[in-house]
């Protein structure tokens, strides 16, 4: 699986083809579109992007206007579902299936993948929607998960020039490093991420296990 985030620097993985499922996060579908990916298999959209009036929410709606996805996950939507559907229709965003993901489902997903409980008692303990997508990909038992445009140490977004600081960088970094230490099939397509945080760079194919011949 390929998980595309919105960090300013991102790279299409070597050997990318139709075997990859593609997950996008918020406005990162604009990056996928530049790579010729018209319709992601799934998208993770933070609730504030639907009706928010801040510059980032407005930018996300602008790049998603008229686009479509397969399975749309909307994170922590606080109102009734029809209001959400109306909000999505207002900027012509289409989807095959809609799922609402609340805080408890996010925590259950993290526990299922990481094997331990976690609560978001304050902002410092929250993780980003990009990490939610990574956890979802791992929980889906993908043979390998490649992230692109997910860099906890970066600022700004690829689809606007606001230069906004990432809110959950420390927690995101902690989760990525723990997943790597556990030896899951997690890679980055971005050389600067491989250098700065130590995730393995995607080699272009899935390497055979050392024990595959047994």
N, C-alpha and C. Protein backbone atom coordinates (compact mmCIF):
# COMPACT_ATOMS: atom_id res chain seq x y z
N UNK A 1 0.84 -1.19 0.00
CA UNK A 1 0.00 0.00 0.00
C UNK A 1 0.87 1.24 0.00
N UNK A 2 0.41 2.26 -0.67
CA UNK A 2 1.07 3.56 -0.68
C UNK A 2 0.20 4.54 0.10
N UNK A 3 0.76 5.17 1.13
CA UNK A 3 0.07 6.18 1.91
C UNK A 3 0.70 7.53 1.59
N UNK A 4 -0.08 8.44 1.03
CA UNK A 4 0.43 9.73 0.60
C UNK A 4 -0.02 10.81 1.57
N UNK A 5 0.95 11.50 2.18
CA UNK A 5 0.66 12.63 3.03
C UNK A 5 0.93 13.93 2.30
N UNK A 6 0.86 15.03 3.05
CA UNK A 6 0.90 16.35 2.42
C UNK A 6 2.16 17.15 2.73
N UNK A 7 3.21 16.49 3.22
CA UNK A 7 4.46 17.22 3.43
C UNK A 7 4.93 17.80 2.11
N UNK A 8 5.67 18.92 2.16
CA UNK A 8 6.06 19.59 0.90
C UNK A 8 6.86 18.72 -0.06
N UNK A 9 7.64 17.78 0.47
CA UNK A 9 8.45 16.92 -0.40
C UNK A 9 7.87 15.51 -0.39
N UNK A 10 7.61 14.96 -1.56
CA UNK A 10 7.12 13.60 -1.68
C UNK A 10 7.61 13.00 -2.98
N UNK A 11 7.64 11.68 -3.04
CA UNK A 11 8.17 10.99 -4.21
C UNK A 11 7.32 9.78 -4.53
N UNK A 12 7.06 9.57 -5.80
CA UNK A 12 6.38 8.36 -6.24
C UNK A 12 7.33 7.18 -6.02
N UNK A 13 6.88 6.13 -5.34
CA UNK A 13 7.79 5.00 -5.06
C UNK A 13 8.31 4.34 -6.32
N UNK A 14 9.54 3.91 -6.27
CA UNK A 14 10.12 3.16 -7.38
C UNK A 14 9.30 1.90 -7.61
N UNK A 15 9.01 1.62 -8.85
CA UNK A 15 8.27 0.41 -9.20
C UNK A 15 6.77 0.52 -8.98
N UNK A 16 6.27 1.74 -8.76
CA UNK A 16 4.83 1.90 -8.53
C UNK A 16 4.04 1.42 -9.74
N UNK A 17 3.00 0.62 -9.48
CA UNK A 17 2.10 0.17 -10.54
C UNK A 17 0.75 -0.18 -9.94
N UNK A 18 -0.07 -0.86 -10.71
CA UNK A 18 -1.44 -1.13 -10.30
C UNK A 18 -1.54 -2.10 -9.13
N UNK A 19 -0.44 -2.72 -8.74
CA UNK A 19 -0.48 -3.61 -7.58
C UNK A 19 -0.62 -2.85 -6.27
N UNK A 20 -0.28 -1.56 -6.28
CA UNK A 20 -0.38 -0.74 -5.07
C UNK A 20 -1.82 -0.29 -4.86
N UNK A 21 -2.30 -0.41 -3.62
CA UNK A 21 -3.48 0.34 -3.19
C UNK A 21 -3.00 1.70 -2.70
N UNK A 22 -3.78 2.75 -2.96
CA UNK A 22 -3.35 4.11 -2.64
C UNK A 22 -4.29 4.72 -1.63
N UNK A 23 -3.73 5.22 -0.53
CA UNK A 23 -4.47 5.93 0.51
C UNK A 23 -3.98 7.37 0.53
N UNK A 24 -4.90 8.33 0.53
CA UNK A 24 -4.53 9.74 0.63
C UNK A 24 -5.09 10.33 1.91
N UNK A 25 -4.51 11.47 2.31
CA UNK A 25 -4.86 12.11 3.58
C UNK A 25 -5.16 13.59 3.30
N UNK A 26 -6.35 14.02 3.68
CA UNK A 26 -6.76 15.42 3.49
C UNK A 26 -6.49 15.86 2.05
N UNK A 27 -5.68 16.88 1.84
CA UNK A 27 -5.47 17.40 0.50
C UNK A 27 -4.40 16.71 -0.31
N UNK A 28 -3.83 15.61 0.20
CA UNK A 28 -2.74 14.97 -0.54
C UNK A 28 -3.20 14.30 -1.82
N UNK A 29 -4.50 14.24 -2.06
CA UNK A 29 -4.97 13.73 -3.34
C UNK A 29 -4.48 14.59 -4.50
N UNK A 30 -4.14 15.85 -4.21
CA UNK A 30 -3.56 16.71 -5.25
C UNK A 30 -2.22 16.17 -5.72
N UNK A 31 -1.45 15.59 -4.81
CA UNK A 31 -0.17 14.98 -5.17
C UNK A 31 -0.42 13.74 -6.01
N UNK A 32 -1.34 12.90 -5.53
CA UNK A 32 -1.66 11.68 -6.28
C UNK A 32 -2.09 12.01 -7.70
N UNK A 33 -2.86 13.06 -7.85
CA UNK A 33 -3.34 13.45 -9.18
C UNK A 33 -2.18 13.83 -10.09
N UNK A 34 -1.18 14.50 -9.54
CA UNK A 34 0.00 14.85 -10.33
C UNK A 34 0.73 13.61 -10.82
N UNK A 35 0.61 12.52 -10.09
CA UNK A 35 1.25 11.26 -10.47
C UNK A 35 0.37 10.40 -11.35
N UNK A 36 -0.78 10.92 -11.76
CA UNK A 36 -1.66 10.17 -12.64
C UNK A 36 -2.62 9.26 -11.92
N UNK A 37 -2.72 9.40 -10.59
CA UNK A 37 -3.65 8.59 -9.80
C UNK A 37 -4.94 9.40 -9.66
N UNK A 38 -5.94 9.05 -10.42
CA UNK A 38 -7.15 9.85 -10.47
C UNK A 38 -8.04 9.62 -9.26
N UNK A 39 -8.11 8.38 -8.82
CA UNK A 39 -9.05 8.02 -7.76
C UNK A 39 -8.36 7.11 -6.75
N UNK A 40 -8.01 7.61 -5.57
CA UNK A 40 -7.41 6.75 -4.54
C UNK A 40 -8.38 5.65 -4.12
N UNK A 41 -7.82 4.58 -3.59
CA UNK A 41 -8.66 3.51 -3.07
C UNK A 41 -9.37 3.95 -1.79
N UNK A 42 -8.70 4.80 -1.00
CA UNK A 42 -9.30 5.30 0.24
C UNK A 42 -8.68 6.65 0.59
N UNK A 43 -9.47 7.45 1.30
CA UNK A 43 -9.02 8.78 1.73
C UNK A 43 -9.41 8.97 3.19
N UNK A 44 -8.51 9.64 3.94
CA UNK A 44 -8.76 9.97 5.34
C UNK A 44 -8.85 11.49 5.44
N UNK A 45 -10.02 11.96 5.86
CA UNK A 45 -10.30 13.39 5.85
C UNK A 45 -10.66 13.85 7.27
N UNK A 46 -9.92 14.84 7.77
CA UNK A 46 -10.19 15.37 9.10
C UNK A 46 -11.47 16.20 9.07
N UNK A 47 -12.28 16.09 10.12
CA UNK A 47 -13.63 16.66 10.09
C UNK A 47 -13.65 18.16 9.79
N UNK A 48 -12.65 18.89 10.26
CA UNK A 48 -12.68 20.34 10.10
C UNK A 48 -12.52 20.78 8.64
N UNK A 49 -12.03 19.86 7.79
CA UNK A 49 -11.86 20.22 6.39
C UNK A 49 -13.20 20.42 5.68
N UNK A 50 -14.28 19.90 6.25
CA UNK A 50 -15.58 19.96 5.59
C UNK A 50 -16.21 21.35 5.66
N UNK A 51 -16.16 21.95 6.86
CA UNK A 51 -16.81 23.25 7.06
C UNK A 51 -15.87 24.31 7.60
N UNK A 52 -14.62 23.96 7.88
CA UNK A 52 -13.69 24.90 8.51
C UNK A 52 -13.47 26.15 7.68
N UNK A 53 -13.24 27.25 8.37
CA UNK A 53 -13.03 28.53 7.69
C UNK A 53 -11.57 28.98 7.72
N UNK A 54 -10.68 28.16 8.32
CA UNK A 54 -9.27 28.54 8.32
C UNK A 54 -8.67 28.30 6.94
N UNK A 55 -7.50 28.90 6.72
CA UNK A 55 -6.89 28.86 5.39
C UNK A 55 -6.60 27.44 4.91
N UNK A 56 -6.19 26.57 5.84
CA UNK A 56 -5.84 25.22 5.43
C UNK A 56 -7.08 24.45 4.98
N UNK A 57 -8.18 24.55 5.73
CA UNK A 57 -9.41 23.86 5.34
C UNK A 57 -9.91 24.35 3.99
N UNK A 58 -9.83 25.64 3.77
CA UNK A 58 -10.25 26.20 2.48
C UNK A 58 -9.39 25.65 1.35
N UNK A 59 -8.08 25.52 1.61
CA UNK A 59 -7.17 24.99 0.59
C UNK A 59 -7.47 23.52 0.31
N UNK A 60 -7.78 22.75 1.35
CA UNK A 60 -8.11 21.34 1.14
C UNK A 60 -9.36 21.20 0.27
N UNK A 61 -10.40 21.96 0.59
CA UNK A 61 -11.63 21.88 -0.22
C UNK A 61 -11.36 22.31 -1.66
N UNK A 62 -10.49 23.27 -1.86
CA UNK A 62 -10.18 23.73 -3.21
C UNK A 62 -9.54 22.61 -4.04
N UNK A 63 -8.58 21.88 -3.45
CA UNK A 63 -7.90 20.85 -4.24
C UNK A 63 -8.76 19.59 -4.39
N UNK A 64 -9.74 19.40 -3.50
CA UNK A 64 -10.60 18.22 -3.61
C UNK A 64 -11.87 18.48 -4.42
N UNK A 65 -12.11 19.73 -4.76
CA UNK A 65 -13.32 20.09 -5.49
C UNK A 65 -13.40 19.31 -6.81
N UNK A 66 -14.49 18.55 -6.97
CA UNK A 66 -14.70 17.81 -8.20
C UNK A 66 -13.97 16.47 -8.28
N UNK A 67 -13.24 16.10 -7.23
CA UNK A 67 -12.50 14.84 -7.24
C UNK A 67 -13.33 13.73 -6.61
N UNK A 68 -12.77 12.51 -6.61
CA UNK A 68 -13.48 11.38 -6.04
C UNK A 68 -12.51 10.39 -5.42
N UNK A 69 -13.03 9.56 -4.53
CA UNK A 69 -12.23 8.52 -3.89
C UNK A 69 -13.09 7.27 -3.76
N UNK A 70 -12.46 6.20 -3.32
CA UNK A 70 -13.20 4.96 -3.11
C UNK A 70 -13.89 4.97 -1.76
N UNK A 71 -13.15 4.60 -0.72
CA UNK A 71 -13.67 4.56 0.65
C UNK A 71 -13.23 5.82 1.38
N UNK A 72 -14.18 6.64 1.77
CA UNK A 72 -13.87 7.90 2.45
C UNK A 72 -14.07 7.74 3.95
N UNK A 73 -12.97 7.90 4.71
CA UNK A 73 -13.03 7.91 6.17
C UNK A 73 -13.01 9.37 6.63
N UNK A 74 -14.01 9.79 7.36
CA UNK A 74 -14.01 11.12 7.94
C UNK A 74 -13.78 10.99 9.44
N UNK A 75 -12.73 11.65 9.92
CA UNK A 75 -12.26 11.46 11.29
C UNK A 75 -12.95 12.44 12.24
N UNK A 76 -13.61 11.89 13.25
CA UNK A 76 -14.18 12.63 14.38
C UNK A 76 -15.22 13.68 13.95
N UNK A 77 -16.09 13.30 13.02
CA UNK A 77 -17.17 14.20 12.61
C UNK A 77 -18.15 14.36 13.77
N UNK A 78 -18.47 15.60 14.21
CA UNK A 78 -19.26 15.79 15.43
C UNK A 78 -20.77 15.94 15.22
N UNK A 79 -21.22 15.92 13.97
CA UNK A 79 -22.63 16.19 13.71
C UNK A 79 -23.29 14.98 13.06
N UNK A 80 -24.53 15.14 12.63
CA UNK A 80 -25.24 14.04 12.00
C UNK A 80 -24.66 13.76 10.61
N UNK A 81 -24.85 12.53 10.14
CA UNK A 81 -24.24 12.10 8.89
C UNK A 81 -24.74 12.89 7.70
N UNK A 82 -26.02 13.26 7.68
CA UNK A 82 -26.55 13.97 6.52
C UNK A 82 -25.87 15.33 6.35
N UNK A 83 -25.55 15.98 7.46
CA UNK A 83 -24.83 17.25 7.38
C UNK A 83 -23.47 17.05 6.73
N UNK A 84 -22.83 15.93 7.03
CA UNK A 84 -21.54 15.61 6.42
C UNK A 84 -21.72 15.39 4.91
N UNK A 85 -22.69 14.61 4.54
CA UNK A 85 -22.91 14.34 3.11
C UNK A 85 -23.21 15.64 2.35
N UNK A 86 -23.99 16.51 2.98
CA UNK A 86 -24.29 17.79 2.35
C UNK A 86 -23.02 18.64 2.22
N UNK A 87 -22.18 18.60 3.25
CA UNK A 87 -20.94 19.37 3.22
C UNK A 87 -19.99 18.89 2.14
N UNK A 88 -19.89 17.58 1.96
CA UNK A 88 -19.05 17.02 0.89
C UNK A 88 -19.60 17.39 -0.48
N UNK A 89 -20.92 17.35 -0.61
CA UNK A 89 -21.54 17.69 -1.90
C UNK A 89 -21.32 19.16 -2.24
N UNK A 90 -21.17 20.00 -1.21
CA UNK A 90 -20.99 21.43 -1.45
C UNK A 90 -19.71 21.73 -2.22
N UNK A 91 -18.67 20.87 -2.09
CA UNK A 91 -17.48 21.07 -2.91
C UNK A 91 -17.26 19.88 -3.86
N UNK A 92 -18.36 19.22 -4.19
CA UNK A 92 -18.38 18.23 -5.28
C UNK A 92 -17.40 17.09 -5.06
N UNK A 93 -17.24 16.68 -3.80
CA UNK A 93 -16.33 15.55 -3.54
C UNK A 93 -17.15 14.27 -3.47
N UNK A 94 -16.78 13.29 -4.31
CA UNK A 94 -17.55 12.07 -4.45
C UNK A 94 -16.80 10.88 -3.85
N UNK A 95 -17.53 9.86 -3.49
CA UNK A 95 -16.96 8.69 -2.84
C UNK A 95 -17.87 7.50 -3.11
N UNK A 96 -17.29 6.31 -3.09
CA UNK A 96 -18.08 5.09 -3.26
C UNK A 96 -18.73 4.66 -1.94
N UNK A 97 -18.01 4.88 -0.84
CA UNK A 97 -18.51 4.48 0.47
C UNK A 97 -18.00 5.47 1.51
N UNK A 98 -18.85 5.77 2.49
CA UNK A 98 -18.50 6.74 3.53
C UNK A 98 -18.47 6.04 4.88
N UNK A 99 -17.40 6.29 5.64
CA UNK A 99 -17.30 5.77 7.00
C UNK A 99 -16.92 6.89 7.95
N UNK A 100 -17.61 6.96 9.06
CA UNK A 100 -17.28 7.91 10.11
C UNK A 100 -16.41 7.21 11.15
N UNK A 101 -15.29 7.82 11.49
CA UNK A 101 -14.33 7.23 12.43
C UNK A 101 -14.25 8.13 13.65
N UNK A 102 -14.71 7.63 14.79
CA UNK A 102 -14.67 8.46 16.00
C UNK A 102 -13.37 8.24 16.77
N UNK A 103 -13.20 8.96 17.84
CA UNK A 103 -11.97 8.89 18.63
C UNK A 103 -11.71 7.48 19.15
N UNK A 104 -12.75 6.79 19.56
CA UNK A 104 -12.58 5.46 20.14
C UNK A 104 -12.18 4.44 19.10
N UNK A 105 -12.68 4.60 17.89
CA UNK A 105 -12.27 3.71 16.80
C UNK A 105 -10.80 3.94 16.43
N UNK A 106 -10.37 5.19 16.46
CA UNK A 106 -8.95 5.49 16.22
C UNK A 106 -8.08 4.84 17.28
N UNK A 107 -8.50 4.95 18.53
CA UNK A 107 -7.72 4.36 19.61
C UNK A 107 -7.70 2.82 19.51
N UNK A 108 -8.83 2.24 19.11
CA UNK A 108 -8.89 0.79 18.93
C UNK A 108 -7.99 0.34 17.80
N UNK A 109 -7.93 1.14 16.73
CA UNK A 109 -7.04 0.81 15.61
C UNK A 109 -5.59 0.84 16.06
N UNK A 110 -5.22 1.87 16.82
CA UNK A 110 -3.84 1.96 17.31
C UNK A 110 -3.52 0.77 18.21
N UNK A 111 -4.45 0.42 19.08
CA UNK A 111 -4.21 -0.71 19.98
C UNK A 111 -4.07 -2.02 19.21
N UNK A 112 -4.89 -2.19 18.16
CA UNK A 112 -4.83 -3.42 17.38
C UNK A 112 -3.48 -3.58 16.69
N UNK A 113 -2.90 -2.47 16.24
CA UNK A 113 -1.62 -2.54 15.52
C UNK A 113 -0.44 -2.52 16.48
N UNK A 114 -0.50 -1.65 17.50
CA UNK A 114 0.63 -1.46 18.39
C UNK A 114 0.61 -2.39 19.61
N UNK A 115 -0.56 -2.95 19.90
CA UNK A 115 -0.64 -3.90 21.00
C UNK A 115 -0.71 -3.29 22.38
N UNK A 116 -1.04 -2.00 22.47
CA UNK A 116 -1.16 -1.38 23.78
C UNK A 116 -2.15 -0.23 23.70
N UNK A 117 -2.77 0.06 24.84
CA UNK A 117 -3.77 1.11 24.90
C UNK A 117 -3.14 2.49 24.79
N UNK A 118 -3.93 3.41 24.27
CA UNK A 118 -3.46 4.79 24.12
C UNK A 118 -4.68 5.70 24.23
N UNK A 119 -4.53 6.79 24.95
CA UNK A 119 -5.62 7.75 25.05
C UNK A 119 -5.11 9.13 24.65
N UNK A 120 -5.97 9.90 24.01
CA UNK A 120 -5.61 11.25 23.57
C UNK A 120 -6.10 12.25 24.62
N UNK A 121 -5.41 12.29 25.75
CA UNK A 121 -5.84 13.15 26.85
C UNK A 121 -5.56 14.61 26.57
N UNK A 122 -4.57 14.88 25.71
CA UNK A 122 -4.24 16.25 25.36
C UNK A 122 -3.64 16.26 23.97
N UNK A 123 -3.39 17.45 23.43
CA UNK A 123 -2.89 17.56 22.06
C UNK A 123 -1.54 16.87 21.88
N UNK A 124 -0.73 16.84 22.93
CA UNK A 124 0.60 16.23 22.82
C UNK A 124 0.52 14.73 22.56
N UNK A 125 -0.60 14.12 22.91
CA UNK A 125 -0.74 12.67 22.75
C UNK A 125 -1.55 12.29 21.52
N UNK A 126 -1.98 13.27 20.77
CA UNK A 126 -2.73 12.98 19.55
C UNK A 126 -1.77 12.68 18.39
N UNK A 127 -2.19 11.80 17.50
CA UNK A 127 -1.41 11.54 16.30
C UNK A 127 -2.21 12.00 15.09
N UNK A 128 -1.52 12.20 14.00
CA UNK A 128 -2.13 12.81 12.82
C UNK A 128 -3.00 11.82 12.06
N UNK A 129 -3.76 12.35 11.12
CA UNK A 129 -4.55 11.50 10.25
C UNK A 129 -3.67 10.70 9.30
N UNK A 130 -2.47 11.22 9.00
CA UNK A 130 -1.52 10.44 8.22
C UNK A 130 -1.12 9.16 8.94
N UNK A 131 -0.90 9.25 10.24
CA UNK A 131 -0.57 8.06 11.02
C UNK A 131 -1.78 7.13 11.11
N UNK A 132 -2.98 7.71 11.21
CA UNK A 132 -4.18 6.88 11.18
C UNK A 132 -4.21 6.05 9.90
N UNK A 133 -3.88 6.66 8.78
CA UNK A 133 -3.85 5.94 7.50
C UNK A 133 -2.78 4.85 7.50
N UNK A 134 -1.62 5.14 8.08
CA UNK A 134 -0.55 4.13 8.17
C UNK A 134 -1.01 2.95 9.01
N UNK A 135 -1.62 3.22 10.15
CA UNK A 135 -2.12 2.15 11.02
C UNK A 135 -3.19 1.33 10.30
N UNK A 136 -4.06 2.01 9.57
CA UNK A 136 -5.09 1.31 8.80
C UNK A 136 -4.45 0.38 7.76
N UNK A 137 -3.43 0.88 7.07
CA UNK A 137 -2.76 0.07 6.06
C UNK A 137 -2.11 -1.16 6.68
N UNK A 138 -1.45 -0.98 7.81
CA UNK A 138 -0.81 -2.12 8.48
C UNK A 138 -1.85 -3.10 9.00
N UNK A 139 -2.95 -2.58 9.52
CA UNK A 139 -4.01 -3.45 10.03
C UNK A 139 -4.68 -4.22 8.90
N UNK A 140 -4.60 -3.70 7.69
CA UNK A 140 -5.18 -4.38 6.53
C UNK A 140 -4.28 -5.49 6.01
N UNK A 141 -3.17 -5.72 6.70
CA UNK A 141 -2.24 -6.80 6.39
C UNK A 141 -1.62 -6.66 5.00
N UNK A 142 -1.30 -5.42 4.64
CA UNK A 142 -0.57 -5.20 3.39
C UNK A 142 0.81 -5.84 3.48
N UNK A 143 1.30 -6.35 2.37
CA UNK A 143 2.63 -6.95 2.37
C UNK A 143 3.71 -5.93 2.71
N UNK A 144 3.50 -4.70 2.27
CA UNK A 144 4.41 -3.61 2.60
C UNK A 144 3.60 -2.32 2.57
N UNK A 145 4.00 -1.38 3.42
CA UNK A 145 3.38 -0.06 3.46
C UNK A 145 4.46 0.97 3.17
N UNK A 146 4.26 1.74 2.10
CA UNK A 146 5.22 2.76 1.70
C UNK A 146 4.58 4.12 1.95
N UNK A 147 5.27 4.98 2.71
CA UNK A 147 4.75 6.32 2.94
C UNK A 147 5.51 7.33 2.10
N UNK A 148 4.78 8.31 1.60
CA UNK A 148 5.38 9.38 0.82
C UNK A 148 4.71 10.68 1.24
N UNK A 149 5.50 11.72 1.47
CA UNK A 149 4.92 12.97 1.93
C UNK A 149 4.49 12.92 3.38
N UNK A 150 5.03 12.01 4.15
CA UNK A 150 4.78 11.94 5.59
C UNK A 150 6.12 12.11 6.29
N UNK A 151 6.31 13.30 6.84
CA UNK A 151 7.58 13.65 7.48
C UNK A 151 7.29 14.44 8.75
N UNK A 152 7.35 13.80 9.91
CA UNK A 152 7.02 14.49 11.16
C UNK A 152 7.90 15.70 11.45
N UNK A 153 9.05 15.79 10.80
CA UNK A 153 9.97 16.89 11.07
C UNK A 153 9.80 18.06 10.11
N UNK A 154 8.82 17.98 9.22
CA UNK A 154 8.65 19.04 8.23
C UNK A 154 7.54 20.00 8.64
N UNK A 155 7.51 21.14 7.98
CA UNK A 155 6.42 22.11 8.13
C UNK A 155 5.81 22.36 6.76
N UNK A 156 4.59 22.87 6.76
CA UNK A 156 3.95 23.21 5.50
C UNK A 156 3.26 22.04 4.83
N UNK A 157 2.53 22.34 3.77
CA UNK A 157 1.77 21.35 3.02
C UNK A 157 2.03 21.55 1.53
N UNK A 158 1.96 20.45 0.79
CA UNK A 158 2.26 20.50 -0.63
C UNK A 158 1.21 21.27 -1.42
N UNK A 159 -0.03 21.36 -0.90
CA UNK A 159 -1.11 21.96 -1.67
C UNK A 159 -1.37 23.41 -1.32
N UNK A 160 -0.56 24.01 -0.44
CA UNK A 160 -0.68 25.45 -0.19
C UNK A 160 0.68 26.00 0.22
N UNK A 161 0.79 27.32 0.31
CA UNK A 161 2.06 27.95 0.66
C UNK A 161 1.98 28.64 2.02
N UNK A 162 1.16 28.10 2.93
CA UNK A 162 0.96 28.72 4.23
C UNK A 162 2.09 28.42 5.21
N UNK A 163 2.83 27.35 4.98
CA UNK A 163 3.95 27.00 5.84
C UNK A 163 3.55 26.65 7.26
N UNK A 164 2.39 26.03 7.45
CA UNK A 164 1.88 25.74 8.79
C UNK A 164 2.71 24.67 9.49
N UNK A 165 2.88 24.85 10.79
CA UNK A 165 3.62 23.88 11.60
C UNK A 165 2.77 22.63 11.81
N UNK A 166 3.39 21.45 11.79
CA UNK A 166 2.67 20.22 12.08
C UNK A 166 2.37 20.14 13.57
N UNK A 167 1.14 19.76 13.91
CA UNK A 167 0.69 19.78 15.30
C UNK A 167 1.11 18.53 16.07
N UNK A 168 1.31 17.42 15.38
CA UNK A 168 1.51 16.16 16.09
C UNK A 168 2.83 15.50 15.71
N UNK A 169 3.83 16.30 15.39
CA UNK A 169 5.08 15.75 14.88
C UNK A 169 5.76 14.81 15.85
N UNK A 170 5.83 15.17 17.12
CA UNK A 170 6.54 14.33 18.09
C UNK A 170 5.87 12.97 18.25
N UNK A 171 4.55 12.97 18.38
CA UNK A 171 3.84 11.70 18.53
C UNK A 171 3.93 10.88 17.26
N UNK A 172 3.79 11.51 16.10
CA UNK A 172 3.92 10.79 14.84
C UNK A 172 5.29 10.14 14.72
N UNK A 173 6.32 10.90 15.06
CA UNK A 173 7.68 10.37 14.98
C UNK A 173 7.84 9.17 15.90
N UNK A 174 7.32 9.28 17.11
CA UNK A 174 7.42 8.19 18.08
C UNK A 174 6.76 6.91 17.55
N UNK A 175 5.58 7.06 16.95
CA UNK A 175 4.88 5.89 16.43
C UNK A 175 5.62 5.27 15.25
N UNK A 176 6.09 6.10 14.33
CA UNK A 176 6.83 5.57 13.18
C UNK A 176 8.09 4.83 13.61
N UNK A 177 8.81 5.39 14.57
CA UNK A 177 10.04 4.74 15.04
C UNK A 177 9.74 3.44 15.77
N UNK A 178 8.66 3.41 16.53
CA UNK A 178 8.29 2.17 17.21
C UNK A 178 7.89 1.09 16.22
N UNK A 179 7.13 1.47 15.20
CA UNK A 179 6.75 0.51 14.17
C UNK A 179 7.99 -0.04 13.46
N UNK A 180 8.92 0.84 13.15
CA UNK A 180 10.16 0.40 12.50
C UNK A 180 10.94 -0.56 13.39
N UNK A 181 11.02 -0.23 14.68
CA UNK A 181 11.75 -1.08 15.62
C UNK A 181 11.12 -2.47 15.73
N UNK A 182 9.82 -2.55 15.49
CA UNK A 182 9.13 -3.83 15.55
C UNK A 182 9.33 -4.66 14.29
N UNK A 183 9.92 -4.07 13.27
CA UNK A 183 10.22 -4.81 12.06
C UNK A 183 9.05 -5.02 11.13
N UNK A 184 8.03 -4.17 11.25
CA UNK A 184 6.91 -4.28 10.30
C UNK A 184 7.38 -3.82 8.93
N UNK A 185 6.64 -4.15 7.90
CA UNK A 185 7.05 -3.78 6.53
C UNK A 185 6.69 -2.35 6.21
N UNK A 186 7.35 -1.41 6.89
CA UNK A 186 7.09 0.02 6.70
C UNK A 186 8.29 0.69 6.07
N UNK A 187 8.07 1.40 4.97
CA UNK A 187 9.14 2.05 4.22
C UNK A 187 8.74 3.48 3.90
N UNK A 188 9.73 4.28 3.51
CA UNK A 188 9.45 5.61 2.99
C UNK A 188 9.97 5.71 1.56
N UNK A 189 9.27 6.48 0.75
CA UNK A 189 9.73 6.76 -0.62
C UNK A 189 10.56 8.02 -0.67
N UNK A 190 10.72 8.71 0.47
CA UNK A 190 11.38 10.01 0.51
C UNK A 190 12.78 9.91 1.14
N UNK A 191 13.83 10.11 0.35
CA UNK A 191 15.19 9.97 0.88
C UNK A 191 15.46 10.82 2.11
N UNK A 192 14.89 12.06 2.16
CA UNK A 192 15.15 12.92 3.31
C UNK A 192 14.54 12.37 4.58
N UNK A 193 13.42 11.65 4.46
CA UNK A 193 12.80 11.01 5.64
C UNK A 193 13.65 9.82 6.08
N UNK A 194 14.12 9.06 5.12
CA UNK A 194 15.00 7.93 5.46
C UNK A 194 16.23 8.42 6.20
N UNK A 195 16.78 9.55 5.77
CA UNK A 195 17.99 10.08 6.40
C UNK A 195 17.70 10.68 7.77
N UNK A 196 16.61 11.43 7.88
CA UNK A 196 16.37 12.19 9.10
C UNK A 196 15.80 11.37 10.24
N UNK A 197 14.96 10.37 9.93
CA UNK A 197 14.37 9.61 11.03
C UNK A 197 14.71 8.12 10.99
N UNK A 198 15.36 7.66 9.93
CA UNK A 198 15.87 6.30 9.93
C UNK A 198 14.94 5.24 9.40
N UNK A 199 13.81 5.63 8.78
CA UNK A 199 12.98 4.62 8.15
C UNK A 199 13.68 4.08 6.91
N UNK A 200 13.53 2.79 6.61
CA UNK A 200 14.19 2.26 5.42
C UNK A 200 13.57 2.84 4.15
N UNK A 201 14.42 3.13 3.18
CA UNK A 201 13.96 3.63 1.89
C UNK A 201 13.40 2.46 1.08
N UNK A 202 12.24 2.68 0.47
CA UNK A 202 11.61 1.63 -0.32
C UNK A 202 12.54 1.18 -1.44
N UNK A 203 12.86 -0.12 -1.51
CA UNK A 203 13.83 -0.59 -2.50
C UNK A 203 13.26 -0.86 -3.87
N UNK A 204 11.95 -0.72 -4.03
CA UNK A 204 11.35 -0.94 -5.34
C UNK A 204 10.66 -2.29 -5.46
N UNK A 205 10.78 -3.12 -4.44
CA UNK A 205 10.13 -4.42 -4.45
C UNK A 205 10.13 -4.94 -3.02
N UNK A 206 9.34 -5.99 -2.79
CA UNK A 206 9.30 -6.61 -1.47
C UNK A 206 10.39 -7.64 -1.38
N UNK A 207 11.28 -7.45 -0.43
CA UNK A 207 12.39 -8.39 -0.28
C UNK A 207 11.90 -9.68 0.34
N UNK A 208 12.45 -10.78 -0.14
CA UNK A 208 12.08 -12.08 0.41
C UNK A 208 12.60 -12.22 1.82
N UNK A 209 11.85 -12.92 2.66
CA UNK A 209 12.28 -13.16 4.04
C UNK A 209 13.51 -14.05 4.04
N UNK A 210 14.36 -13.84 5.04
CA UNK A 210 15.54 -14.71 5.19
C UNK A 210 15.14 -16.15 5.46
N UNK A 211 13.91 -16.34 5.93
CA UNK A 211 13.46 -17.69 6.27
C UNK A 211 12.51 -18.26 5.23
N UNK A 212 12.41 -17.58 4.08
CA UNK A 212 11.42 -17.99 3.09
C UNK A 212 11.71 -19.35 2.49
N UNK A 213 12.94 -19.82 2.58
CA UNK A 213 13.28 -21.10 1.99
C UNK A 213 13.06 -22.26 2.90
N UNK A 214 12.63 -22.00 4.13
CA UNK A 214 12.46 -23.12 5.05
C UNK A 214 11.19 -23.91 4.75
